[in-house]
Amino acid sequence: MSIMKTVAVVEAPESVRLQADGTVARELSERRGFVCPQCNGSGYVMRDNAHGELEKVQCDACMGYGSLKARILVEWLPDNPVKY
């Protein structure tokens, strides 16, 4: 079975400056369109109700959308800061 994977390549920014919180820089990226593994993209799952019957219930993972997004945060920090 073939699997499609997305790979993120991380490279240091060309110009950086130390911020007040000790980070050098932050990068936030979002990637959309990943099929929800909980409901396989349908937006619902089948569960037993109180009467022992199967019923459609909104997927807790994707909230019924059928897809997920990934939010990727990269924080650049000093590797081994030397204080003078």
N, C-alpha and C. Protein backbone atom coordinates (compact mmCIF):
# COMPACT_ATOMS: atom_id res chain seq x y z
N MET A 1 0.84 -1.18 0.00
CA MET A 1 0.00 0.00 0.00
C MET A 1 0.88 1.24 0.00
N SER A 2 0.58 2.19 -0.84
CA SER A 2 1.34 3.44 -0.92
C SER A 2 0.84 4.43 0.12
N ILE A 3 1.76 5.20 0.67
CA ILE A 3 1.43 6.23 1.65
C ILE A 3 2.05 7.54 1.20
N MET A 4 1.24 8.61 1.18
CA MET A 4 1.75 9.93 0.85
C MET A 4 2.17 10.62 2.14
N LYS A 5 3.38 11.15 2.16
CA LYS A 5 3.87 11.84 3.35
C LYS A 5 4.29 13.25 2.98
N THR A 6 4.11 14.16 3.93
CA THR A 6 4.57 15.54 3.78
C THR A 6 5.79 15.71 4.67
N VAL A 7 6.84 16.29 4.12
CA VAL A 7 8.09 16.46 4.86
C VAL A 7 8.36 17.96 5.01
N ALA A 8 8.70 18.37 6.22
CA ALA A 8 9.05 19.77 6.47
C ALA A 8 10.57 19.87 6.54
N VAL A 9 11.12 20.82 5.81
CA VAL A 9 12.55 21.09 5.84
C VAL A 9 12.77 22.34 6.67
N VAL A 10 13.61 22.24 7.69
CA VAL A 10 13.84 23.36 8.60
C VAL A 10 15.22 23.94 8.33
N GLU A 11 15.26 25.21 8.00
CA GLU A 11 16.51 25.92 7.77
C GLU A 11 16.49 27.21 8.58
N ALA A 12 17.63 27.55 9.18
CA ALA A 12 17.71 28.78 9.98
C ALA A 12 17.47 30.00 9.09
N PRO A 13 16.76 31.00 9.62
CA PRO A 13 16.53 32.21 8.84
C PRO A 13 17.84 32.95 8.60
N GLU A 14 17.88 33.75 7.52
CA GLU A 14 19.11 34.47 7.17
C GLU A 14 19.47 35.55 8.18
N SER A 15 18.48 36.24 8.70
CA SER A 15 18.73 37.33 9.64
C SER A 15 17.93 37.08 10.91
N VAL A 16 18.61 37.08 12.05
CA VAL A 16 17.92 36.83 13.32
C VAL A 16 18.39 37.82 14.37
N ARG A 17 17.53 38.02 15.38
CA ARG A 17 17.86 38.91 16.49
C ARG A 17 17.21 38.37 17.75
N LEU A 18 17.93 38.35 18.86
CA LEU A 18 17.41 37.84 20.11
C LEU A 18 16.27 38.73 20.61
N GLN A 19 15.12 38.11 20.93
CA GLN A 19 13.95 38.83 21.43
C GLN A 19 13.99 38.89 22.95
N ALA A 20 13.12 39.69 23.55
CA ALA A 20 13.06 39.86 25.00
C ALA A 20 12.74 38.56 25.73
N ASP A 21 11.98 37.67 25.09
CA ASP A 21 11.62 36.41 25.75
C ASP A 21 12.68 35.32 25.60
N GLY A 22 13.82 35.65 25.00
CA GLY A 22 14.92 34.70 24.85
C GLY A 22 14.91 33.91 23.56
N THR A 23 13.86 34.08 22.74
CA THR A 23 13.83 33.41 21.44
C THR A 23 14.51 34.30 20.40
N VAL A 24 14.98 33.68 19.37
CA VAL A 24 15.58 34.43 18.27
C VAL A 24 14.50 34.75 17.23
N ALA A 25 13.66 33.78 16.94
CA ALA A 25 12.59 33.99 15.96
C ALA A 25 11.55 32.89 16.13
N ARG A 26 10.35 33.15 15.65
CA ARG A 26 9.27 32.15 15.64
C ARG A 26 8.69 32.10 14.23
N GLU A 27 8.38 30.90 13.82
CA GLU A 27 7.72 30.70 12.53
C GLU A 27 6.51 29.81 12.76
N LEU A 28 5.35 30.23 12.28
CA LEU A 28 4.13 29.46 12.41
C LEU A 28 3.61 29.13 11.02
N SER A 29 3.30 27.87 10.81
CA SER A 29 2.82 27.43 9.50
C SER A 29 1.65 26.47 9.72
N GLU A 30 0.67 26.52 8.83
CA GLU A 30 -0.45 25.59 8.89
C GLU A 30 -0.57 24.85 7.57
N ARG A 31 -0.83 23.56 7.67
CA ARG A 31 -1.06 22.73 6.50
C ARG A 31 -2.42 22.07 6.67
N ARG A 32 -3.25 22.17 5.65
CA ARG A 32 -4.63 21.68 5.72
C ARG A 32 -4.84 20.48 4.81
N GLY A 33 -5.99 19.84 5.02
CA GLY A 33 -6.43 18.79 4.10
C GLY A 33 -6.00 17.38 4.46
N PHE A 34 -5.64 17.12 5.70
CA PHE A 34 -5.29 15.77 6.11
C PHE A 34 -6.58 15.02 6.46
N VAL A 35 -6.78 13.85 5.90
CA VAL A 35 -7.97 13.06 6.17
C VAL A 35 -7.94 12.62 7.63
N CYS A 36 -9.04 12.81 8.30
CA CYS A 36 -9.14 12.43 9.72
C CYS A 36 -9.02 10.91 9.86
N PRO A 37 -8.06 10.44 10.66
CA PRO A 37 -7.89 8.99 10.83
C PRO A 37 -8.97 8.36 11.71
N GLN A 38 -9.66 9.16 12.49
CA GLN A 38 -10.69 8.65 13.39
C GLN A 38 -11.93 8.22 12.61
N CYS A 39 -12.37 9.06 11.67
CA CYS A 39 -13.61 8.78 10.92
C CYS A 39 -13.35 8.48 9.45
N ASN A 40 -12.09 8.45 9.05
CA ASN A 40 -11.70 8.22 7.65
C ASN A 40 -12.31 9.23 6.69
N GLY A 41 -12.50 10.45 7.17
CA GLY A 41 -12.98 11.53 6.32
C GLY A 41 -14.49 11.68 6.22
N SER A 42 -15.25 10.83 6.90
CA SER A 42 -16.71 10.91 6.79
C SER A 42 -17.31 11.97 7.71
N GLY A 43 -16.60 12.34 8.78
CA GLY A 43 -17.12 13.33 9.71
C GLY A 43 -17.93 12.73 10.85
N TYR A 44 -18.19 11.43 10.79
CA TYR A 44 -18.94 10.78 11.86
C TYR A 44 -18.37 9.39 12.13
N VAL A 45 -18.71 8.85 13.29
CA VAL A 45 -18.35 7.48 13.65
C VAL A 45 -19.63 6.77 14.11
N MET A 46 -19.62 5.46 14.07
CA MET A 46 -20.77 4.68 14.53
C MET A 46 -20.51 4.23 15.96
N ARG A 47 -21.49 4.49 16.84
CA ARG A 47 -21.38 4.11 18.25
C ARG A 47 -22.70 3.49 18.71
N ASP A 48 -22.61 2.66 19.73
CA ASP A 48 -23.82 2.10 20.35
C ASP A 48 -24.49 3.18 21.19
N ASN A 49 -25.79 3.29 21.08
CA ASN A 49 -26.53 4.23 21.93
C ASN A 49 -27.01 3.50 23.18
N ALA A 50 -27.83 4.14 23.98
CA ALA A 50 -28.30 3.57 25.25
C ALA A 50 -29.17 2.32 25.03
N HIS A 51 -29.74 2.16 23.85
CA HIS A 51 -30.61 1.03 23.55
C HIS A 51 -29.87 -0.11 22.85
N GLY A 52 -28.53 0.02 22.73
CA GLY A 52 -27.74 -1.02 22.08
C GLY A 52 -27.81 -0.98 20.57
N GLU A 53 -28.30 0.11 20.01
CA GLU A 53 -28.39 0.28 18.56
C GLU A 53 -27.25 1.16 18.08
N LEU A 54 -26.82 0.93 16.85
CA LEU A 54 -25.77 1.77 16.26
C LEU A 54 -26.37 3.09 15.78
N GLU A 55 -25.66 4.16 16.01
CA GLU A 55 -26.09 5.47 15.52
C GLU A 55 -24.86 6.27 15.07
N LYS A 56 -25.11 7.18 14.13
CA LYS A 56 -24.05 8.07 13.65
C LYS A 56 -23.84 9.17 14.68
N VAL A 57 -22.56 9.40 15.05
CA VAL A 57 -22.22 10.45 16.01
C VAL A 57 -21.09 11.27 15.40
N GLN A 58 -21.17 12.58 15.57
CA GLN A 58 -20.11 13.46 15.06
C GLN A 58 -18.76 13.04 15.60
N CYS A 59 -17.77 13.02 14.74
CA CYS A 59 -16.40 12.64 15.12
C CYS A 59 -15.82 13.65 16.10
N ASP A 60 -15.28 13.16 17.22
CA ASP A 60 -14.68 14.04 18.22
C ASP A 60 -13.35 14.65 17.77
N ALA A 61 -12.65 13.95 16.89
CA ALA A 61 -11.33 14.43 16.46
C ALA A 61 -11.44 15.61 15.49
N CYS A 62 -12.29 15.50 14.47
CA CYS A 62 -12.38 16.55 13.44
C CYS A 62 -13.63 17.41 13.59
N MET A 63 -14.45 17.14 14.59
CA MET A 63 -15.69 17.90 14.84
C MET A 63 -16.65 17.87 13.65
N GLY A 64 -16.63 16.78 12.89
CA GLY A 64 -17.56 16.60 11.79
C GLY A 64 -17.08 17.10 10.44
N TYR A 65 -15.89 17.69 10.38
CA TYR A 65 -15.38 18.22 9.11
C TYR A 65 -14.78 17.15 8.21
N GLY A 66 -14.28 16.07 8.79
CA GLY A 66 -13.70 14.99 8.00
C GLY A 66 -12.23 15.19 7.69
N SER A 67 -11.69 16.35 8.02
CA SER A 67 -10.28 16.59 7.76
C SER A 67 -9.65 17.35 8.92
N LEU A 68 -8.34 17.28 9.00
CA LEU A 68 -7.59 17.95 10.06
C LEU A 68 -6.55 18.87 9.43
N LYS A 69 -6.07 19.82 10.24
CA LYS A 69 -4.95 20.66 9.80
C LYS A 69 -3.83 20.51 10.81
N ALA A 70 -2.63 20.75 10.35
CA ALA A 70 -1.46 20.68 11.22
C ALA A 70 -0.94 22.09 11.43
N ARG A 71 -0.72 22.46 12.66
CA ARG A 71 -0.12 23.76 12.98
C ARG A 71 1.29 23.46 13.47
N ILE A 72 2.27 24.03 12.76
CA ILE A 72 3.68 23.76 13.04
C ILE A 72 4.33 25.04 13.54
N LEU A 73 4.87 24.99 14.74
CA LEU A 73 5.55 26.15 15.32
C LEU A 73 7.02 25.82 15.47
N VAL A 74 7.88 26.66 14.91
CA VAL A 74 9.32 26.53 15.06
C VAL A 74 9.81 27.73 15.85
N GLU A 75 10.47 27.48 16.97
CA GLU A 75 11.08 28.54 17.76
C GLU A 75 12.58 28.40 17.67
N TRP A 76 13.24 29.47 17.27
CA TRP A 76 14.70 29.48 17.18
C TRP A 76 15.24 30.05 18.49
N LEU A 77 16.11 29.29 19.14
CA LEU A 77 16.69 29.66 20.43
C LEU A 77 18.20 29.55 20.35
N PRO A 78 18.91 30.28 21.23
CA PRO A 78 20.36 30.09 21.29
C PRO A 78 20.66 28.64 21.66
N ASP A 79 21.62 28.03 21.00
CA ASP A 79 21.93 26.62 21.21
C ASP A 79 22.58 26.39 22.57
N ASN A 80 23.60 27.16 22.86
CA ASN A 80 24.32 27.01 24.11
C ASN A 80 24.82 28.40 24.49
N PRO A 81 23.91 29.24 25.01
CA PRO A 81 24.28 30.64 25.24
C PRO A 81 25.44 30.79 26.23
N VAL A 82 26.36 31.66 25.88
CA VAL A 82 27.50 31.98 26.75
C VAL A 82 27.29 33.39 27.27
N LYS A 83 27.27 33.54 28.58
CA LYS A 83 27.09 34.87 29.16
C LYS A 83 28.44 35.44 29.53
N TYR A 84 28.65 36.67 29.15
CA TYR A 84 29.93 37.35 29.44
C TYR A 84 29.79 38.26 30.63
